[in-house]
Amino acid sequence: MSMALVSLNGFVDAIFAGRYVSADALAGVAVSMPLLAVNSAFTSFISAGASNVLSKAIGSKDHVVTGNLFGLVLIYSILAGLLLILFIAFSQFASLLGMTQEKAASKKARGEEEVTQKKVLGAII
């Protein structure tokens, strides 16, 4: 269910960005889709483990664990999101996904606007 909602989110983002914002925004959405999938995988990983621990704690009536679990899951989720933002901001993820200087130069030669990492990051955020 969660994967369907994540896919639907990306689909709606692409429609909105393509129709109402700009081609750069649509490129940002397209580049961000693999990162969104990685984020969804981490979220599923954290929630699956937390639900297992939570069900055991509820069954054994361990209120200390159930009380602390929410805070831990929240901290792990925030850390995963921050790590993803740091990866986007300080890495050359656009080149990992196939955007090279030659492609950017050929787009500029054809008169198209250059899609830079800062523009893609701005479209993602």
PDB file of N, CA and C in Angstrom:
ATOM      1  N   MET A   1       0.822  -1.189   0.000  1.00  0.00           N
ATOM      2  CA  MET A   1       0.000   0.000   0.000  1.00  0.00           C
ATOM      3  C   MET A   1       0.871   1.260   0.000  1.00  0.00           C
ATOM      4  N   SER A   2       1.916   1.242   0.832  1.00  0.00           N
ATOM      5  CA  SER A   2       2.758   2.435   0.905  1.00  0.00           C
ATOM      6  C   SER A   2       3.511   2.666  -0.406  1.00  0.00           C
ATOM      7  N   MET A   3       3.933   1.602  -1.059  1.00  0.00           N
ATOM      8  CA  MET A   3       4.637   1.764  -2.339  1.00  0.00           C
ATOM      9  C   MET A   3       3.702   2.336  -3.406  1.00  0.00           C
ATOM     10  N   ALA A   4       2.440   1.952  -3.357  1.00  0.00           N
ATOM     11  CA  ALA A   4       1.475   2.502  -4.309  1.00  0.00           C
ATOM     12  C   ALA A   4       1.285   3.994  -4.076  1.00  0.00           C
ATOM     13  N   LEU A   5       1.231   4.395  -2.817  1.00  0.00           N
ATOM     14  CA  LEU A   5       1.069   5.815  -2.517  1.00  0.00           C
ATOM     15  C   LEU A   5       2.310   6.623  -2.891  1.00  0.00           C
ATOM     16  N   VAL A   6       3.492   6.052  -2.695  1.00  0.00           N
ATOM     17  CA  VAL A   6       4.723   6.741  -3.092  1.00  0.00           C
ATOM     18  C   VAL A   6       4.765   6.906  -4.608  1.00  0.00           C
ATOM     19  N   SER A   7       4.374   5.874  -5.343  1.00  0.00           N
ATOM     20  CA  SER A   7       4.344   5.966  -6.806  1.00  0.00           C
ATOM     21  C   SER A   7       3.318   6.987  -7.266  1.00  0.00           C
ATOM     22  N   LEU A   8       2.169   6.996  -6.626  1.00  0.00           N
ATOM     23  CA  LEU A   8       1.138   7.965  -6.975  1.00  0.00           C
ATOM     24  C   LEU A   8       1.612   9.387  -6.681  1.00  0.00           C
ATOM     25  N   ASN A   9       2.356   9.555  -5.586  1.00  0.00           N
ATOM     26  CA  ASN A   9       2.913  10.860  -5.243  1.00  0.00           C
ATOM     27  C   ASN A   9       3.855  11.345  -6.345  1.00  0.00           C
ATOM     28  N   GLY A  10       4.747  10.470  -6.807  1.00  0.00           N
ATOM     29  CA  GLY A  10       5.655  10.847  -7.884  1.00  0.00           C
ATOM     30  C   GLY A  10       4.926  11.166  -9.173  1.00  0.00           C
ATOM     31  N   PHE A  11       3.870  10.418  -9.460  1.00  0.00           N
ATOM     32  CA  PHE A  11       3.073  10.645 -10.660  1.00  0.00           C
ATOM     33  C   PHE A  11       2.386  12.008 -10.616  1.00  0.00           C
ATOM     34  N   VAL A  12       1.780  12.329  -9.486  1.00  0.00           N
ATOM     35  CA  VAL A  12       1.098  13.622  -9.330  1.00  0.00           C
ATOM     36  C   VAL A  12       2.110  14.763  -9.365  1.00  0.00           C
ATOM     37  N   ASP A  13       3.277  14.566  -8.737  1.00  0.00           N
ATOM     38  CA  ASP A  13       4.327  15.591  -8.791  1.00  0.00           C
ATOM     39  C   ASP A  13       4.746  15.865 -10.231  1.00  0.00           C
ATOM     40  N   ALA A  14       4.904  14.799 -11.015  1.00  0.00           N
ATOM     41  CA  ALA A  14       5.321  14.966 -12.404  1.00  0.00           C
ATOM     42  C   ALA A  14       4.255  15.709 -13.214  1.00  0.00           C
ATOM     43  N   ILE A  15       3.000  15.387 -13.000  1.00  0.00           N
ATOM     44  CA  ILE A  15       1.928  16.090 -13.717  1.00  0.00           C
ATOM     45  C   ILE A  15       1.914  17.566 -13.342  1.00  0.00           C
ATOM     46  N   PHE A  16       1.962  17.842 -12.045  1.00  0.00           N
ATOM     47  CA  PHE A  16       1.923  19.235 -11.592  1.00  0.00           C
ATOM     48  C   PHE A  16       3.137  20.011 -12.096  1.00  0.00           C
ATOM     49  N   ALA A  17       4.331  19.427 -11.961  1.00  0.00           N
ATOM     50  CA  ALA A  17       5.549  20.128 -12.377  1.00  0.00           C
ATOM     51  C   ALA A  17       5.578  20.341 -13.885  1.00  0.00           C
ATOM     52  N   GLY A  18       5.163  19.354 -14.652  1.00  0.00           N
ATOM     53  CA  GLY A  18       5.189  19.472 -16.105  1.00  0.00           C
ATOM     54  C   GLY A  18       4.176  20.451 -16.654  1.00  0.00           C
ATOM     55  N   ARG A  19       3.005  20.488 -16.061  1.00  0.00           N
ATOM     56  CA  ARG A  19       1.948  21.363 -16.581  1.00  0.00           C
ATOM     57  C   ARG A  19       2.009  22.786 -16.045  1.00  0.00           C
ATOM     58  N   TYR A  20       2.355  22.939 -14.771  1.00  0.00           N
ATOM     59  CA  TYR A  20       2.175  24.241 -14.143  1.00  0.00           C
ATOM     60  C   TYR A  20       3.465  24.948 -13.728  1.00  0.00           C
ATOM     61  N   VAL A  21       4.601  24.243 -13.715  1.00  0.00           N
ATOM     62  CA  VAL A  21       5.817  24.899 -13.239  1.00  0.00           C
ATOM     63  C   VAL A  21       6.762  25.119 -14.415  1.00  0.00           C
ATOM     64  N   SER A  22       7.612  24.127 -14.718  1.00  0.00           N
ATOM     65  CA  SER A  22       8.554  24.293 -15.831  1.00  0.00           C
ATOM     66  C   SER A  22       9.163  22.949 -16.187  1.00  0.00           C
ATOM     67  N   ALA A  23       9.910  22.954 -17.276  1.00  0.00           N
ATOM     68  CA  ALA A  23      10.610  21.731 -17.684  1.00  0.00           C
ATOM     69  C   ALA A  23      11.708  21.375 -16.691  1.00  0.00           C
ATOM     70  N   ASP A  24      12.334  22.396 -16.089  1.00  0.00           N
ATOM     71  CA  ASP A  24      13.356  22.127 -15.067  1.00  0.00           C
ATOM     72  C   ASP A  24      12.757  21.435 -13.855  1.00  0.00           C
ATOM     73  N   ALA A  25      11.561  21.857 -13.471  1.00  0.00           N
ATOM     74  CA  ALA A  25      10.901  21.214 -12.332  1.00  0.00           C
ATOM     75  C   ALA A  25      10.561  19.768 -12.660  1.00  0.00           C
ATOM     76  N   LEU A  26      10.121  19.507 -13.882  1.00  0.00           N
ATOM     77  CA  LEU A  26       9.840  18.137 -14.294  1.00  0.00           C
ATOM     78  C   LEU A  26      11.116  17.300 -14.316  1.00  0.00           C
ATOM     79  N   ALA A  27      12.222  17.905 -14.738  1.00  0.00           N
ATOM     80  CA  ALA A  27      13.508  17.194 -14.704  1.00  0.00           C
ATOM     81  C   ALA A  27      13.911  16.890 -13.271  1.00  0.00           C
ATOM     82  N   GLY A  28      13.664  17.826 -12.365  1.00  0.00           N
ATOM     83  CA  GLY A  28      13.955  17.597 -10.950  1.00  0.00           C
ATOM     84  C   GLY A  28      13.140  16.456 -10.379  1.00  0.00           C
ATOM     85  N   VAL A  29      11.878  16.373 -10.758  1.00  0.00           N
ATOM     86  CA  VAL A  29      11.029  15.271 -10.301  1.00  0.00           C
ATOM     87  C   VAL A  29      11.539  13.953 -10.863  1.00  0.00           C
ATOM     88  N   ALA A  30      11.921  13.952 -12.132  1.00  0.00           N
ATOM     89  CA  ALA A  30      12.413  12.721 -12.751  1.00  0.00           C
ATOM     90  C   ALA A  30      13.715  12.245 -12.116  1.00  0.00           C
ATOM     91  N   VAL A  31      14.612  13.174 -11.823  1.00  0.00           N
ATOM     92  CA  VAL A  31      15.886  12.810 -11.205  1.00  0.00           C
ATOM     93  C   VAL A  31      15.681  12.356  -9.766  1.00  0.00           C
ATOM     94  N   SER A  32      14.677  12.914  -9.109  1.00  0.00           N
ATOM     95  CA  SER A  32      14.468  12.574  -7.703  1.00  0.00           C
ATOM     96  C   SER A  32      13.768  11.242  -7.490  1.00  0.00           C
ATOM     97  N   MET A  33      13.200  10.641  -8.516  1.00  0.00           N
ATOM     98  CA  MET A  33      12.447   9.405  -8.329  1.00  0.00           C
ATOM     99  C   MET A  33      13.291   8.255  -7.763  1.00  0.00           C
ATOM    100  N   PRO A  34      14.524   8.018  -8.230  1.00  0.00           N
ATOM    101  CA  PRO A  34      15.314   6.959  -7.591  1.00  0.00           C
ATOM    102  C   PRO A  34      15.625   7.261  -6.124  1.00  0.00           C
ATOM    103  N   LEU A  35      15.835   8.535  -5.817  1.00  0.00           N
ATOM    104  CA  LEU A  35      16.090   8.912  -4.426  1.00  0.00           C
ATOM    105  C   LEU A  35      14.834   8.751  -3.582  1.00  0.00           C
ATOM    106  N   LEU A  36      13.685   9.011  -4.156  1.00  0.00           N
ATOM    107  CA  LEU A  36      12.427   8.799  -3.457  1.00  0.00           C
ATOM    108  C   LEU A  36      12.218   7.313  -3.175  1.00  0.00           C
ATOM    109  N   ALA A  37      12.614   6.461  -4.119  1.00  0.00           N
ATOM    110  CA  ALA A  37      12.500   5.015  -3.905  1.00  0.00           C
ATOM    111  C   ALA A  37      13.427   4.554  -2.780  1.00  0.00           C
ATOM    112  N   VAL A  38      14.631   5.098  -2.722  1.00  0.00           N
ATOM    113  CA  VAL A  38      15.556   4.745  -1.641  1.00  0.00           C
ATOM    114  C   VAL A  38      14.999   5.216  -0.304  1.00  0.00           C
ATOM    115  N   ASN A  39      14.453   6.428  -0.274  1.00  0.00           N
ATOM    116  CA  ASN A  39      13.848   6.944   0.947  1.00  0.00           C
ATOM    117  C   ASN A  39      12.670   6.070   1.379  1.00  0.00           C
ATOM    118  N   SER A  40      11.872   5.641   0.428  1.00  0.00           N
ATOM    119  CA  SER A  40      10.740   4.769   0.743  1.00  0.00           C
ATOM    120  C   SER A  40      11.218   3.423   1.277  1.00  0.00           C
ATOM    121  N   ALA A  41      12.314   2.915   0.734  1.00  0.00           N
ATOM    122  CA  ALA A  41      12.860   1.647   1.224  1.00  0.00           C
ATOM    123  C   ALA A  41      13.342   1.770   2.665  1.00  0.00           C
ATOM    124  N   PHE A  42      14.041   2.868   2.980  1.00  0.00           N
ATOM    125  CA  PHE A  42      14.479   3.079   4.363  1.00  0.00           C
ATOM    126  C   PHE A  42      13.291   3.231   5.311  1.00  0.00           C
ATOM    127  N   THR A  43      12.278   3.950   4.865  1.00  0.00           N
ATOM    128  CA  THR A  43      11.094   4.133   5.693  1.00  0.00           C
ATOM    129  C   THR A  43      10.396   2.801   5.944  1.00  0.00           C
ATOM    130  N   SER A  44      10.282   1.979   4.916  1.00  0.00           N
ATOM    131  CA  SER A  44       9.673   0.654   5.081  1.00  0.00           C
ATOM    132  C   SER A  44      10.505  -0.220   6.009  1.00  0.00           C
ATOM    133  N   PHE A  45      11.812  -0.118   5.881  1.00  0.00           N
ATOM    134  CA  PHE A  45      12.717  -0.884   6.744  1.00  0.00           C
ATOM    135  C   PHE A  45      12.530  -0.498   8.210  1.00  0.00           C
ATOM    136  N   ILE A  46      12.478   0.801   8.476  1.00  0.00           N
ATOM    137  CA  ILE A  46      12.321   1.281   9.848  1.00  0.00           C
ATOM    138  C   ILE A  46      10.941   0.909  10.389  1.00  0.00           C
ATOM    139  N   SER A  47       9.906   1.091   9.587  1.00  0.00           N
ATOM    140  CA  SER A  47       8.554   0.819  10.081  1.00  0.00           C
ATOM    141  C   SER A  47       8.301  -0.668  10.279  1.00  0.00           C
ATOM    142  N   ALA A  48       8.879  -1.512   9.441  1.00  0.00           N
ATOM    143  CA  ALA A  48       8.703  -2.959   9.623  1.00  0.00           C
ATOM    144  C   ALA A  48       9.363  -3.425  10.912  1.00  0.00           C
ATOM    145  N   GLY A  49      10.557  -2.956  11.181  1.00  0.00           N
ATOM    146  CA  GLY A  49      11.233  -3.321  12.424  1.00  0.00           C
ATOM    147  C   GLY A  49      10.529  -2.763  13.644  1.00  0.00           C
ATOM    148  N   ALA A  50      10.060  -1.532  13.539  1.00  0.00           N
ATOM    149  CA  ALA A  50       9.384  -0.907  14.678  1.00  0.00           C
ATOM    150  C   ALA A  50       8.058  -1.597  14.972  1.00  0.00           C
ATOM    151  N   SER A  51       7.330  -1.980  13.941  1.00  0.00           N
ATOM    152  CA  SER A  51       6.050  -2.645  14.192  1.00  0.00           C
ATOM    153  C   SER A  51       6.251  -4.005  14.834  1.00  0.00           C
ATOM    154  N   ASN A  52       7.324  -4.694  14.486  1.00  0.00           N
ATOM    155  CA  ASN A  52       7.635  -5.981  15.112  1.00  0.00           C
ATOM    156  C   ASN A  52       7.942  -5.800  16.599  1.00  0.00           C
ATOM    157  N   VAL A  53       8.804  -4.846  16.913  1.00  0.00           N
ATOM    158  CA  VAL A  53       9.156  -4.585  18.311  1.00  0.00           C
ATOM    159  C   VAL A  53       7.937  -4.084  19.082  1.00  0.00           C
ATOM    160  N   LEU A  54       7.134  -3.236  18.453  1.00  0.00           N
ATOM    161  CA  LEU A  54       5.948  -2.704  19.117  1.00  0.00           C
ATOM    162  C   LEU A  54       4.930  -3.797  19.425  1.00  0.00           C
ATOM    163  N   SER A  55       4.722  -4.708  18.497  1.00  0.00           N
ATOM    164  CA  SER A  55       3.751  -5.777  18.754  1.00  0.00           C
ATOM    165  C   SER A  55       4.210  -6.685  19.889  1.00  0.00           C
ATOM    166  N   LYS A  56       5.513  -6.953  19.958  1.00  0.00           N
ATOM    167  CA  LYS A  56       6.033  -7.755  21.073  1.00  0.00           C
ATOM    168  C   LYS A  56       5.883  -7.004  22.399  1.00  0.00           C
ATOM    169  N   ALA A  57       6.154  -5.703  22.385  1.00  0.00           N
ATOM    170  CA  ALA A  57       6.051  -4.910  23.620  1.00  0.00           C
ATOM    171  C   ALA A  57       4.605  -4.794  24.086  1.00  0.00           C
ATOM    172  N   ILE A  58       3.685  -4.636  23.162  1.00  0.00           N
ATOM    173  CA  ILE A  58       2.277  -4.561  23.539  1.00  0.00           C
ATOM    174  C   ILE A  58       1.811  -5.899  24.100  1.00  0.00           C
ATOM    175  N   GLY A  59       2.256  -7.002  23.474  1.00  0.00           N
ATOM    176  CA  GLY A  59       1.872  -8.329  23.949  1.00  0.00           C
ATOM    177  C   GLY A  59       2.397  -8.624  25.345  1.00  0.00           C
ATOM    178  N   SER A  60       3.599  -8.148  25.648  1.00  0.00           N
ATOM    179  CA  SER A  60       4.165  -8.392  26.979  1.00  0.00           C
ATOM    180  C   SER A  60       3.845  -7.266  27.963  1.00  0.00           C
ATOM    181  N   LYS A  61       3.046  -6.291  27.523  1.00  0.00           N
ATOM    182  CA  LYS A  61       2.631  -5.148  28.338  1.00  0.00           C
ATOM    183  C   LYS A  61       3.821  -4.370  28.906  1.00  0.00           C
ATOM    184  N   ASP A  62       4.820  -4.195  28.059  1.00  0.00           N
ATOM    185  CA  ASP A  62       6.018  -3.434  28.427  1.00  0.00           C
ATOM    186  C   ASP A  62       5.807  -1.982  27.996  1.00  0.00           C
ATOM    187  N   HIS A  63       5.325  -1.168  28.901  1.00  0.00           N
ATOM    188  CA  HIS A  63       4.974   0.210  28.582  1.00  0.00           C
ATOM    189  C   HIS A  63       6.197   1.097  28.396  1.00  0.00           C
ATOM    190  N   VAL A  64       7.319   0.711  28.952  1.00  0.00           N
ATOM    191  CA  VAL A  64       8.547   1.504  28.776  1.00  0.00           C
ATOM    192  C   VAL A  64       8.993   1.442  27.315  1.00  0.00           C
ATOM    193  N   VAL A  65       8.991   0.248  26.747  1.00  0.00           N
ATOM    194  CA  VAL A  65       9.411   0.085  25.350  1.00  0.00           C
ATOM    195  C   VAL A  65       8.435   0.783  24.415  1.00  0.00           C
ATOM    196  N   THR A  66       7.144   0.614  24.657  1.00  0.00           N
ATOM    197  CA  THR A  66       6.167   1.272  23.784  1.00  0.00           C
ATOM    198  C   THR A  66       6.274   2.789  23.864  1.00  0.00           C
ATOM    199  N   GLY A  67       6.592   3.308  25.037  1.00  0.00           N
ATOM    200  CA  GLY A  67       6.758   4.756  25.176  1.00  0.00           C
ATOM    201  C   GLY A  67       8.003   5.283  24.493  1.00  0.00           C
ATOM    202  N   ASN A  68       9.082   4.519  24.533  1.00  0.00           N
ATOM    203  CA  ASN A  68      10.348   4.964  23.942  1.00  0.00           C
ATOM    204  C   ASN A  68      10.427   4.714  22.436  1.00  0.00           C
ATOM    205  N   LEU A  69       9.630   3.791  21.941  1.00  0.00           N
ATOM    206  CA  LEU A  69       9.741   3.398  20.536  1.00  0.00           C
ATOM    207  C   LEU A  69       9.389   4.537  19.590  1.00  0.00           C
ATOM    208  N   PHE A  70       8.373   5.298  19.928  1.00  0.00           N
ATOM    209  CA  PHE A  70       7.979   6.408  19.051  1.00  0.00           C
ATOM    210  C   PHE A  70       9.117   7.393  18.869  1.00  0.00           C
ATOM    211  N   GLY A  71       9.773   7.746  19.955  1.00  0.00           N
ATOM    212  CA  GLY A  71      10.896   8.683  19.872  1.00  0.00           C
ATOM    213  C   GLY A  71      12.040   8.142  19.032  1.00  0.00           C
ATOM    214  N   LEU A  72      12.338   6.856  19.192  1.00  0.00           N
ATOM    215  CA  LEU A  72      13.420   6.256  18.406  1.00  0.00           C
ATOM    216  C   LEU A  72      13.091   6.221  16.919  1.00  0.00           C
ATOM    217  N   VAL A  73      11.868   5.845  16.595  1.00  0.00           N
ATOM    218  CA  VAL A  73      11.468   5.798  15.188  1.00  0.00           C
ATOM    219  C   VAL A  73      11.491   7.197  14.587  1.00  0.00           C
ATOM    220  N   LEU A  74      11.043   8.177  15.339  1.00  0.00           N
ATOM    221  CA  LEU A  74      11.064   9.553  14.857  1.00  0.00           C
ATOM    222  C   LEU A  74      12.499  10.024  14.610  1.00  0.00           C
ATOM    223  N   ILE A  75      13.395   9.731  15.526  1.00  0.00           N
ATOM    224  CA  ILE A  75      14.803  10.126  15.370  1.00  0.00           C
ATOM    225  C   ILE A  75      15.428   9.431  14.160  1.00  0.00           C
ATOM    226  N   TYR A  76      15.189   8.121  14.011  1.00  0.00           N
ATOM    227  CA  TYR A  76      15.746   7.394  12.854  1.00  0.00           C
ATOM    228  C   TYR A  76      15.194   7.928  11.542  1.00  0.00           C
ATOM    229  N   SER A  77      13.925   8.261  11.524  1.00  0.00           N
ATOM    230  CA  SER A  77      13.324   8.784  10.297  1.00  0.00           C
ATOM    231  C   SER A  77      13.900  10.150   9.941  1.00  0.00           C
ATOM    232  N   ILE A  78      14.073  11.005  10.929  1.00  0.00           N
ATOM    233  CA  ILE A  78      14.666  12.328  10.679  1.00  0.00           C
ATOM    234  C   ILE A  78      16.113  12.182  10.216  1.00  0.00           C
ATOM    235  N   LEU A  79      16.861  11.287  10.845  1.00  0.00           N
ATOM    236  CA  LEU A  79      18.253  11.067  10.426  1.00  0.00           C
ATOM    237  C   LEU A  79      18.336  10.531   9.000  1.00  0.00           C
ATOM    238  N   ALA A  80      17.447   9.616   8.647  1.00  0.00           N
ATOM    239  CA  ALA A  80      17.447   9.092   7.278  1.00  0.00           C
ATOM    240  C   ALA A  80      17.143  10.200   6.276  1.00  0.00           C
ATOM    241  N   GLY A  81      16.192  11.072   6.608  1.00  0.00           N
ATOM    242  CA  GLY A  81      15.874  12.191   5.728  1.00  0.00           C
ATOM    243  C   GLY A  81      17.019  13.178   5.611  1.00  0.00           C
ATOM    244  N   LEU A  82      17.680  13.474   6.719  1.00  0.00           N
ATOM    245  CA  LEU A  82      18.823  14.385   6.688  1.00  0.00           C
ATOM    246  C   LEU A  82      19.984  13.806   5.888  1.00  0.00           C
ATOM    247  N   LEU A  83      20.221  12.506   6.044  1.00  0.00           N
ATOM    248  CA  LEU A  83      21.284  11.870   5.256  1.00  0.00           C
ATOM    249  C   LEU A  83      20.980  11.933   3.768  1.00  0.00           C
ATOM    250  N   LEU A  84      19.731  11.765   3.401  1.00  0.00           N
ATOM    251  CA  LEU A  84      19.353  11.860   1.995  1.00  0.00           C
ATOM    252  C   LEU A  84      19.551  13.285   1.482  1.00  0.00           C
ATOM    253  N   ILE A  85      19.176  14.277   2.275  1.00  0.00           N
ATOM    254  CA  ILE A  85      19.372  15.670   1.876  1.00  0.00           C
ATOM    255  C   ILE A  85      20.860  15.983   1.738  1.00  0.00           C
ATOM    256  N   LEU A  86      21.673  15.505   2.673  1.00  0.00           N
ATOM    257  CA  LEU A  86      23.123  15.727   2.582  1.00  0.00           C
ATOM    258  C   LEU A  86      23.708  15.041   1.360  1.00  0.00           C
ATOM    259  N   PHE A  87      23.224  13.850   1.052  1.00  0.00           N
ATOM    260  CA  PHE A  87      23.701  13.148  -0.145  1.00  0.00           C
ATOM    261  C   PHE A  87      23.385  13.947  -1.393  1.00  0.00           C
ATOM    262  N   ILE A  88      22.181  14.491  -1.465  1.00  0.00           N
ATOM    263  CA  ILE A  88      21.788  15.280  -2.633  1.00  0.00           C
ATOM    264  C   ILE A  88      22.619  16.555  -2.726  1.00  0.00           C
ATOM    265  N   ALA A  89      22.799  17.216  -1.596  1.00  0.00           N
ATOM    266  CA  ALA A  89      23.456  18.515  -1.607  1.00  0.00           C
ATOM    267  C   ALA A  89      24.955  18.432  -1.869  1.00  0.00           C
ATOM    268  N   PHE A  90      25.625  17.390  -1.364  1.00  0.00           N
ATOM    269  CA  PHE A  90      27.081  17.363  -1.422  1.00  0.00           C
ATOM    270  C   PHE A  90      27.666  16.287  -2.329  1.00  0.00           C
ATOM    271  N   SER A  91      26.847  15.621  -3.098  1.00  0.00           N
ATOM    272  CA  SER A  91      27.394  14.617  -4.005  1.00  0.00           C
ATOM    273  C   SER A  91      27.091  15.011  -5.438  1.00  0.00           C
ATOM    274  N   GLN A  92      27.645  14.281  -6.322  1.00  0.00           N
ATOM    275  CA  GLN A  92      27.387  14.491  -7.740  1.00  0.00           C
ATOM    276  C   GLN A  92      26.356  13.463  -8.211  1.00  0.00           C
ATOM    277  N   PHE A  93      25.195  13.465  -7.558  1.00  0.00           N
ATOM    278  CA  PHE A  93      24.200  12.445  -7.866  1.00  0.00           C
ATOM    279  C   PHE A  93      23.655  12.586  -9.275  1.00  0.00           C
ATOM    280  N   ALA A  94      23.666  13.778  -9.842  1.00  0.00           N
ATOM    281  CA  ALA A  94      23.188  13.956 -11.207  1.00  0.00           C
ATOM    282  C   ALA A  94      24.064  13.190 -12.189  1.00  0.00           C
ATOM    283  N   SER A  95      25.373  13.161 -11.946  1.00  0.00           N
ATOM    284  CA  SER A  95      26.254  12.398 -12.836  1.00  0.00           C
ATOM    285  C   SER A  95      26.066  10.904 -12.636  1.00  0.00           C
ATOM    286  N   LEU A  96      25.698  10.493 -11.435  1.00  0.00           N
ATOM    287  CA  LEU A  96      25.403   9.078 -11.211  1.00  0.00           C
ATOM    288  C   LEU A  96      24.187   8.622 -11.998  1.00  0.00           C
ATOM    289  N   LEU A  97      23.248   9.536 -12.216  1.00  0.00           N
ATOM    290  CA  LEU A  97      22.025   9.206 -12.929  1.00  0.00           C
ATOM    291  C   LEU A  97      22.110   9.500 -14.422  1.00  0.00           C
ATOM    292  N   GLY A  98      23.308   9.841 -14.906  1.00  0.00           N
ATOM    293  CA  GLY A  98      23.497   9.994 -16.341  1.00  0.00           C
ATOM    294  C   GLY A  98      23.634  11.411 -16.844  1.00  0.00           C
ATOM    295  N   MET A  99      23.540  12.405 -16.018  1.00  0.00           N
ATOM    296  CA  MET A  99      23.696  13.789 -16.464  1.00  0.00           C
ATOM    297  C   MET A  99      25.178  14.120 -16.484  1.00  0.00           C
ATOM    298  N   THR A 100      25.727  14.336 -17.667  1.00  0.00           N
ATOM    299  CA  THR A 100      27.149  14.634 -17.812  1.00  0.00           C
ATOM    300  C   THR A 100      27.324  16.063 -18.319  1.00  0.00           C
ATOM    301  N   GLN A 101      28.563  16.530 -18.263  1.00  0.00           N
ATOM    302  CA  GLN A 101      28.864  17.871 -18.763  1.00  0.00           C
ATOM    303  C   GLN A 101      28.614  17.960 -20.269  1.00  0.00           C
ATOM    304  N   GLU A 102      28.860  16.857 -20.989  1.00  0.00           N
ATOM    305  CA  GLU A 102      28.650  16.867 -22.438  1.00  0.00           C
ATOM    306  C   GLU A 102      27.172  17.046 -22.762  1.00  0.00           C
ATOM    307  N   LYS A 103      26.303  16.373 -22.007  1.00  0.00           N
ATOM    308  CA  LYS A 103      24.870  16.520 -22.243  1.00  0.00           C
ATOM    309  C   LYS A 103      24.416  17.931 -21.912  1.00  0.00           C
ATOM    310  N   ALA A 104      24.937  18.495 -20.835  1.00  0.00           N
ATOM    311  CA  ALA A 104      24.577  19.864 -20.466  1.00  0.00           C
ATOM    312  C   ALA A 104      25.067  20.844 -21.528  1.00  0.00           C
ATOM    313  N   ALA A 105      26.280  20.616 -22.053  1.00  0.00           N
ATOM    314  CA  ALA A 105      26.834  21.504 -23.086  1.00  0.00           C
ATOM    315  C   ALA A 105      26.035  21.392 -24.381  1.00  0.00           C
ATOM    316  N   SER A 106      25.610  20.172 -24.743  1.00  0.00           N
ATOM    317  CA  SER A 106      24.827  20.017 -25.971  1.00  0.00           C
ATOM    318  C   SER A 106      23.456  20.659 -25.835  1.00  0.00           C
ATOM    319  N   LYS A 107      22.883  20.612 -24.642  1.00  0.00           N
ATOM    320  CA  LYS A 107      21.609  21.290 -24.426  1.00  0.00           C
ATOM    321  C   LYS A 107      21.781  22.800 -24.555  1.00  0.00           C
ATOM    322  N   LYS A 108      22.914  23.309 -24.032  1.00  0.00           N
ATOM    323  CA  LYS A 108      23.164  24.751 -24.107  1.00  0.00           C
ATOM    324  C   LYS A 108      23.395  25.167 -25.558  1.00  0.00           C
ATOM    325  N   ALA A 109      24.069  24.318 -26.338  1.00  0.00           N
ATOM    326  CA  ALA A 109      24.321  24.634 -27.740  1.00  0.00           C
ATOM    327  C   ALA A 109      23.016  24.662 -28.545  1.00  0.00           C
ATOM    328  N   ARG A 110      22.054  23.835 -28.155  1.00  0.00           N
ATOM    329  CA  ARG A 110      20.768  23.817 -28.848  1.00  0.00           C
ATOM    330  C   ARG A 110      19.867  24.953 -28.390  1.00  0.00           C
ATOM    331  N   GLY A 111      20.324  25.748 -27.433  1.00  0.00           N
ATOM    332  CA  GLY A 111      19.531  26.870 -26.954  1.00  0.00           C
ATOM    333  C   GLY A 111      18.619  26.522 -25.801  1.00  0.00           C
ATOM    334  N   GLU A 112      18.716  25.295 -25.298  1.00  0.00           N
ATOM    335  CA  GLU A 112      17.889  24.905 -24.161  1.00  0.00           C
ATOM    336  C   GLU A 112      18.541  25.385 -22.874  1.00  0.00           C
ATOM    337  N   GLU A 113      17.730  25.570 -21.875  1.00  0.00           N
ATOM    338  CA  GLU A 113      18.241  26.020 -20.590  1.00  0.00           C
ATOM    339  C   GLU A 113      19.010  24.881 -19.920  1.00  0.00           C
ATOM    340  N   GLU A 114      20.153  25.205 -19.349  1.00  0.00           N
ATOM    341  CA  GLU A 114      20.988  24.203 -18.694  1.00  0.00           C
ATOM    342  C   GLU A 114      20.365  23.773 -17.368  1.00  0.00           C
ATOM    343  N   VAL A 115      20.290  22.467 -17.161  1.00  0.00           N
ATOM    344  CA  VAL A 115      19.763  21.928 -15.921  1.00  0.00           C
ATOM    345  C   VAL A 115      20.946  21.628 -15.015  1.00  0.00           C
ATOM    346  N   THR A 116      21.117  22.424 -13.973  1.00  0.00           N
ATOM    347  CA  THR A 116      22.237  22.232 -13.055  1.00  0.00           C
ATOM    348  C   THR A 116      21.762  21.528 -11.802  1.00  0.00           C
ATOM    349  N   GLN A 117      22.737  21.097 -11.000  1.00  0.00           N
ATOM    350  CA  GLN A 117      22.410  20.387  -9.766  1.00  0.00           C
ATOM    351  C   GLN A 117      21.622  21.296  -8.817  1.00  0.00           C
ATOM    352  N   LYS A 118      21.950  22.586  -8.794  1.00  0.00           N
ATOM    353  CA  LYS A 118      21.228  23.509  -7.908  1.00  0.00           C
ATOM    354  C   LYS A 118      19.775  23.651  -8.344  1.00  0.00           C
ATOM    355  N   LYS A 119      19.515  23.686  -9.646  1.00  0.00           N
ATOM    356  CA  LYS A 119      18.146  23.776 -10.119  1.00  0.00           C
ATOM    357  C   LYS A 119      17.366  22.515  -9.798  1.00  0.00           C
ATOM    358  N   VAL A 120      18.010  21.378  -9.969  1.00  0.00           N
ATOM    359  CA  VAL A 120      17.332  20.119  -9.669  1.00  0.00           C
ATOM    360  C   VAL A 120      17.057  20.022  -8.161  1.00  0.00           C
ATOM    361  N   LEU A 121      18.022  20.397  -7.332  1.00  0.00           N
ATOM    362  CA  LEU A 121      17.823  20.381  -5.885  1.00  0.00           C
ATOM    363  C   LEU A 121      16.706  21.330  -5.487  1.00  0.00           C
ATOM    364  N   GLY A 122      16.645  22.490  -6.110  1.00  0.00           N
ATOM    365  CA  GLY A 122      15.570  23.437  -5.826  1.00  0.00           C
ATOM    366  C   GLY A 122      14.208  22.895  -6.226  1.00  0.00           C
ATOM    367  N   ALA A 123      14.162  22.176  -7.349  1.00  0.00           N
ATOM    368  CA  ALA A 123      12.894  21.587  -7.781  1.00  0.00           C
ATOM    369  C   ALA A 123      12.464  20.459  -6.856  1.00  0.00           C
ATOM    370  N   ILE A 124      13.435  19.725  -6.321  1.00  0.00           N
ATOM    371  CA  ILE A 124      13.100  18.617  -5.419  1.00  0.00           C
ATOM    372  C   ILE A 124      12.565  19.149  -4.106  1.00  0.00           C
ATOM    373  N   ILE A 125      13.224  20.172  -3.576  1.00  0.00           N
ATOM    374  CA  ILE A 125      12.825  20.702  -2.269  1.00  0.00           C
ATOM    375  C   ILE A 125      11.599  21.555  -2.440  1.00  0.00           C
TER     376      ILE A 125
END
